[in-house]
Amino acid sequence: MGRSSGLCLLLHPHDNIMNNLSIAATRPLHIIVLLASVFGGLAVTIWLLPLGVIVYSMAVFLAARDPSLALTTQRPVALPKLTSPTFRAIVAEIDRSQREVERSVEAAPGPLATALRPVVAQSRELVTEAHDLASKGQIIEQYLATANLRQLYEQINGIDTQITRTRDAYTVQQLQETRGALVDRQRNATDLETYVGRINAQLSNIDASLDNVLAETVRLRTADAVSASSMSGQVADRLRDMKADMDAFQRVLDSAMTGI
């Protein structure tokens, strides 16, 4: 499993700084300063060029030291479109919970907000996973709507009746093969029904966990910066562990969905 962006903020400060430098270097205001220094050095007086480059470099360096820069400039992830009323409702609640977590962190004082940034990063990744999981649940839900388990049950019973009444060995063999295929479909559909229930339970767990994270961020805002930094790391770890569990579940789910 790949490391989350929030964990990278803690474990790879050099990579984070380099990423921030590249972001800060391409900010429109900084680019304007650089272009103005080049124009001034060529059109007015040459000493404006090195002076402008120094100002540009200092502005980029100072901006790159902001640990929230990568998060605030992060492009939103394209999320799957949900049409299922069931999954849209629970995912909308998850989205709301995650936004409340972000608002709580944004309301924290500067040093504390910095300590809580990994929690925001982890919650964003968890929401993305929730959307992916709901999308797969929706696919299963749509498949089950067409599979019609009751009809499969009736078909199997009908073939059983035919087999008992048939004397031709070849016909019996064909009927048994047909029955086997229908039983496989019935078993797969039953398994998928179970997975839909598990997906709903997983999504409800995510929503409840984000509500707990919100309560903890509010509590951490009353703590000192050192204690908050340690406790926020524990919160981020719990979210990361939940994401790891989801990744494992999604792999099982992907295998079960093969052939839908």
Protein backbone atom coordinates (compact mmCIF):
# COMPACT_ATOMS: atom_id res chain seq x y z
CA MET A 1 0.00 0.00 0.00
CA GLY A 2 1.31 3.44 -0.91
CA ARG A 3 2.08 5.92 1.85
CA SER A 4 -0.50 8.60 2.39
CA SER A 5 0.29 12.25 1.81
CA GLY A 6 -0.32 13.01 5.49
CA LEU A 7 2.25 10.41 6.55
CA CYS A 8 4.70 11.80 4.04
CA LEU A 9 4.44 15.18 5.74
CA LEU A 10 5.75 13.49 8.87
CA LEU A 11 8.26 11.02 7.45
CA HIS A 12 9.64 12.80 4.37
CA PRO A 13 10.18 16.49 5.24
CA HIS A 14 12.82 16.90 2.52
CA ASP A 15 10.46 15.63 -0.21
CA ASN A 16 7.71 17.85 1.18
CA ILE A 17 9.96 20.94 1.08
CA MET A 18 11.04 20.20 -2.50
CA ASN A 19 7.40 19.81 -3.52
CA ASN A 20 6.54 23.10 -1.81
CA LEU A 21 9.45 24.83 -3.56
CA SER A 22 8.14 23.75 -6.96
CA ILE A 23 4.65 24.98 -6.06
CA ALA A 24 5.86 28.29 -4.65
CA ALA A 25 8.16 28.90 -7.62
CA THR A 26 5.22 28.85 -10.03
CA ARG A 27 2.87 31.09 -8.05
CA PRO A 28 1.59 33.90 -10.30
CA LEU A 29 2.79 36.68 -7.97
CA HIS A 30 6.27 35.20 -7.76
CA ILE A 31 6.43 34.76 -11.52
CA ILE A 32 5.43 38.43 -11.96
CA VAL A 33 8.29 39.51 -9.63
CA LEU A 34 10.76 37.42 -11.63
CA LEU A 35 9.56 38.74 -15.01
CA ALA A 36 9.60 42.33 -13.72
CA SER A 37 13.19 41.93 -12.58
CA VAL A 38 14.23 40.56 -15.99
CA PHE A 39 12.41 43.38 -17.80
CA GLY A 40 13.81 46.03 -15.44
CA GLY A 41 17.34 44.68 -15.77
CA LEU A 42 17.18 44.70 -19.58
CA ALA A 43 15.19 47.89 -20.13
CA VAL A 44 16.11 50.14 -17.19
CA THR A 45 19.28 49.22 -15.33
CA ILE A 46 21.14 45.96 -15.02
CA TRP A 47 21.30 45.96 -11.21
CA LEU A 48 17.52 45.47 -11.05
CA LEU A 49 17.98 41.96 -12.45
CA PRO A 50 20.01 40.43 -9.57
CA LEU A 51 17.95 42.38 -7.04
CA GLY A 52 14.72 40.98 -8.49
CA VAL A 53 16.11 37.45 -8.54
CA ILE A 54 17.04 37.76 -4.87
CA VAL A 55 13.56 39.03 -3.98
CA TYR A 56 11.99 36.21 -6.02
CA SER A 57 14.18 33.57 -4.36
CA MET A 58 13.39 34.84 -0.85
CA ALA A 59 9.65 34.91 -1.58
CA VAL A 60 9.74 31.35 -2.92
CA PHE A 61 11.80 30.11 0.04
CA LEU A 62 9.50 31.70 2.64
CA ALA A 63 6.37 30.40 0.91
CA ALA A 64 7.85 26.89 0.66
CA ARG A 65 8.28 26.75 4.45
CA ASP A 66 4.52 26.77 4.89
CA PRO A 67 3.62 23.09 5.54
CA SER A 68 0.05 23.66 4.39
CA LEU A 69 1.08 24.88 0.92
CA ALA A 70 0.86 21.46 -0.76
CA LEU A 71 -2.54 20.80 0.80
CA THR A 72 -4.05 24.17 -0.08
CA THR A 73 -2.93 23.86 -3.70
CA GLN A 74 -3.89 20.20 -4.05
CA ARG A 75 -6.18 19.56 -7.00
CA PRO A 76 -9.50 17.96 -6.10
CA VAL A 77 -9.71 14.28 -6.96
CA ALA A 78 -12.30 13.34 -9.59
CA LEU A 79 -14.80 11.24 -7.66
CA PRO A 80 -17.10 8.56 -9.13
CA LYS A 81 -20.67 9.69 -9.84
CA LEU A 82 -23.21 8.06 -7.57
CA THR A 83 -26.83 7.58 -8.63
CA SER A 84 -27.91 5.07 -5.97
CA PRO A 85 -30.04 6.86 -3.33
CA THR A 86 -28.69 4.51 -0.65
CA PHE A 87 -25.02 5.17 -1.35
CA ARG A 88 -25.46 8.85 -2.20
CA ALA A 89 -27.00 9.47 1.23
CA ILE A 90 -24.23 7.86 3.27
CA VAL A 91 -21.41 9.33 1.15
CA ALA A 92 -22.97 12.81 1.42
CA GLU A 93 -22.87 12.40 5.19
CA ILE A 94 -19.21 11.31 5.02
CA ASP A 95 -18.37 14.35 2.88
CA ARG A 96 -20.09 16.61 5.41
CA SER A 97 -18.17 15.05 8.32
CA GLN A 98 -14.85 15.49 6.53
CA ARG A 99 -15.58 19.16 5.72
CA GLU A 100 -16.32 19.76 9.40
CA VAL A 101 -12.93 18.25 10.28
CA GLU A 102 -11.22 20.65 7.85
CA ARG A 103 -13.12 23.64 9.26
CA SER A 104 -12.12 22.65 12.78
CA VAL A 105 -8.45 22.45 11.76
CA GLU A 106 -8.61 25.77 9.91
CA ALA A 107 -10.00 27.40 13.06
CA ALA A 108 -7.00 26.25 15.11
CA PRO A 109 -4.06 28.62 15.86
CA GLY A 110 -1.14 28.48 13.42
CA PRO A 111 1.22 25.96 15.13
CA LEU A 112 -1.68 23.71 16.12
CA ALA A 113 -3.18 23.85 12.63
CA THR A 114 0.20 22.71 11.29
CA ALA A 115 0.23 19.78 13.74
CA LEU A 116 -3.25 18.78 12.61
CA ARG A 117 -2.49 18.89 8.86
CA PRO A 118 -1.73 15.14 8.66
CA VAL A 119 -5.22 14.46 10.03
CA VAL A 120 -6.73 16.55 7.22
CA ALA A 121 -4.66 14.70 4.61
CA GLN A 122 -5.68 11.31 5.98
CA SER A 123 -9.36 12.28 6.16
CA ARG A 124 -9.27 13.38 2.51
CA GLU A 125 -7.80 10.07 1.42
CA LEU A 126 -10.39 8.21 3.49
CA VAL A 127 -13.21 10.13 1.76
CA THR A 128 -11.77 9.25 -1.65
CA GLU A 129 -11.72 5.58 -0.63
CA ALA A 130 -15.32 5.89 0.59
CA HIS A 131 -16.44 7.23 -2.80
CA ASP A 132 -14.66 4.37 -4.60
CA LEU A 133 -16.21 1.82 -2.25
CA ALA A 134 -19.69 3.30 -2.71
CA SER A 135 -19.20 3.22 -6.49
CA LYS A 136 -18.49 -0.52 -6.35
CA GLY A 137 -21.47 -1.02 -4.06
CA GLN A 138 -23.60 0.77 -6.61
CA ILE A 139 -22.37 -1.54 -9.39
CA ILE A 140 -23.25 -4.59 -7.28
CA GLU A 141 -26.63 -3.10 -6.41
CA GLN A 142 -27.41 -2.56 -10.11
CA TYR A 143 -26.31 -6.10 -10.98
CA LEU A 144 -28.46 -7.63 -8.25
CA ALA A 145 -31.47 -5.70 -9.52
CA THR A 146 -31.15 -7.62 -12.82
CA ALA A 147 -30.00 -10.97 -11.38
CA ASN A 148 -33.38 -11.68 -9.73
CA LEU A 149 -32.52 -14.30 -7.12
CA ARG A 150 -36.13 -15.49 -6.85
CA GLN A 151 -36.23 -16.18 -10.58
CA LEU A 152 -32.95 -18.11 -10.37
CA TYR A 153 -34.37 -20.21 -7.54
CA GLU A 154 -37.45 -21.02 -9.61
CA GLN A 155 -35.34 -21.89 -12.66
CA ILE A 156 -33.23 -24.32 -10.63
CA ASN A 157 -36.35 -25.98 -9.21
CA GLY A 158 -37.79 -26.25 -12.72
CA ILE A 159 -34.64 -27.95 -14.05
CA ASP A 160 -34.63 -30.35 -11.09
CA THR A 161 -38.16 -31.36 -12.06
CA GLN A 162 -37.09 -31.85 -15.70
CA ILE A 163 -34.12 -34.00 -14.66
CA THR A 164 -36.32 -36.35 -12.63
CA ARG A 165 -38.70 -36.74 -15.57
CA THR A 166 -36.06 -37.21 -18.29
CA ARG A 167 -34.76 -40.62 -19.30
CA ASP A 168 -32.37 -39.58 -22.09
CA ALA A 169 -28.81 -39.52 -20.67
CA TYR A 170 -27.57 -36.77 -23.02
CA THR A 171 -30.51 -34.50 -22.16
CA VAL A 172 -29.95 -35.12 -18.44
CA GLN A 173 -26.27 -34.19 -18.83
CA GLN A 174 -27.17 -30.91 -20.56
CA LEU A 175 -29.75 -30.10 -17.92
CA GLN A 176 -27.25 -30.80 -15.13
CA GLU A 177 -24.70 -28.48 -16.74
CA THR A 178 -27.34 -25.78 -17.06
CA ARG A 179 -28.30 -26.30 -13.44
CA GLY A 180 -24.65 -26.02 -12.37
CA ALA A 181 -24.30 -22.66 -14.16
CA LEU A 182 -27.49 -21.35 -12.54
CA VAL A 183 -26.33 -22.51 -9.10
CA ASP A 184 -23.02 -20.67 -9.62
CA ARG A 185 -24.94 -17.50 -10.54
CA GLN A 186 -27.16 -17.93 -7.50
CA ARG A 187 -24.16 -18.42 -5.19
CA ASN A 188 -22.32 -15.42 -6.65
CA ALA A 189 -25.40 -13.21 -6.32
CA THR A 190 -25.87 -14.29 -2.70
CA ASP A 191 -22.22 -13.49 -1.97
CA LEU A 192 -22.62 -10.08 -3.61
CA GLU A 193 -25.68 -9.37 -1.47
CA THR A 194 -23.48 -10.02 1.56
CA TYR A 195 -20.84 -7.62 0.20
CA VAL A 196 -23.41 -4.86 -0.26
CA GLY A 197 -24.23 -5.19 3.43
CA ARG A 198 -20.54 -5.08 4.32
CA ILE A 199 -20.00 -2.00 2.16
CA ASN A 200 -22.82 -0.17 3.90
CA ALA A 201 -21.39 -1.17 7.29
CA GLN A 202 -17.92 0.03 6.23
CA LEU A 203 -19.25 3.37 5.05
CA SER A 204 -21.20 3.87 8.27
CA ASN A 205 -18.00 3.10 10.20
CA ILE A 206 -16.10 5.73 8.20
CA ASP A 207 -18.76 8.33 8.92
CA ALA A 208 -18.74 7.56 12.65
CA SER A 209 -14.93 7.63 12.72
CA LEU A 210 -14.81 11.05 11.04
CA ASP A 211 -17.32 12.36 13.59
CA ASN A 212 -14.98 11.09 16.32
CA VAL A 213 -12.02 12.77 14.59
CA LEU A 214 -13.97 16.04 14.53
CA ALA A 215 -14.56 15.78 18.29
CA GLU A 216 -10.86 15.06 18.85
CA THR A 217 -9.70 18.03 16.76
CA VAL A 218 -11.95 20.29 18.81
CA ARG A 219 -10.46 18.82 21.99
CA LEU A 220 -6.90 19.16 20.64
CA ARG A 221 -7.48 22.87 20.03
CA THR A 222 -7.51 23.30 23.81
CA ALA A 223 -4.19 21.46 24.27
CA ASP A 224 -0.67 22.83 24.03
CA ALA A 225 1.16 22.53 20.70
CA VAL A 226 3.51 19.71 21.84
CA SER A 227 0.70 17.53 23.23
CA ALA A 228 -1.52 18.30 20.24
CA SER A 229 1.22 17.28 17.80
CA SER A 230 1.63 13.89 19.53
CA MET A 231 -2.10 13.25 19.80
CA SER A 232 -2.81 14.38 16.22
CA GLY A 233 -0.24 11.83 15.05
CA GLN A 234 -2.19 9.12 16.86
CA VAL A 235 -5.44 10.27 15.21
CA ALA A 236 -3.76 10.24 11.78
CA ASP A 237 -2.43 6.72 12.49
CA ARG A 238 -5.94 5.47 13.26
CA LEU A 239 -7.25 6.92 10.02
CA ARG A 240 -4.34 5.37 8.14
CA ASP A 241 -5.08 1.96 9.70
CA MET A 242 -8.73 2.29 8.67
CA LYS A 243 -7.64 3.09 5.11
CA ALA A 244 -5.40 -0.01 5.14
CA ASP A 245 -8.38 -2.14 6.20
CA MET A 246 -10.43 -0.60 3.39
CA ASP A 247 -7.69 -1.34 0.85
CA ALA A 248 -7.70 -5.01 1.92
CA PHE A 249 -11.50 -5.17 1.72
CA GLN A 250 -11.48 -3.55 -1.72
CA ARG A 251 -9.07 -6.19 -3.01
CA VAL A 252 -11.43 -8.95 -1.83
CA LEU A 253 -14.34 -7.04 -3.33
CA ASP A 254 -12.59 -6.63 -6.70
CA SER A 255 -12.06 -10.38 -6.83
CA ALA A 256 -15.74 -11.04 -6.00
CA MET A 257 -16.92 -8.58 -8.65
CA THR A 258 -14.99 -10.27 -11.47
CA GLY A 259 -17.46 -11.19 -14.16
CA ILE A 260 -20.20 -8.73 -13.22
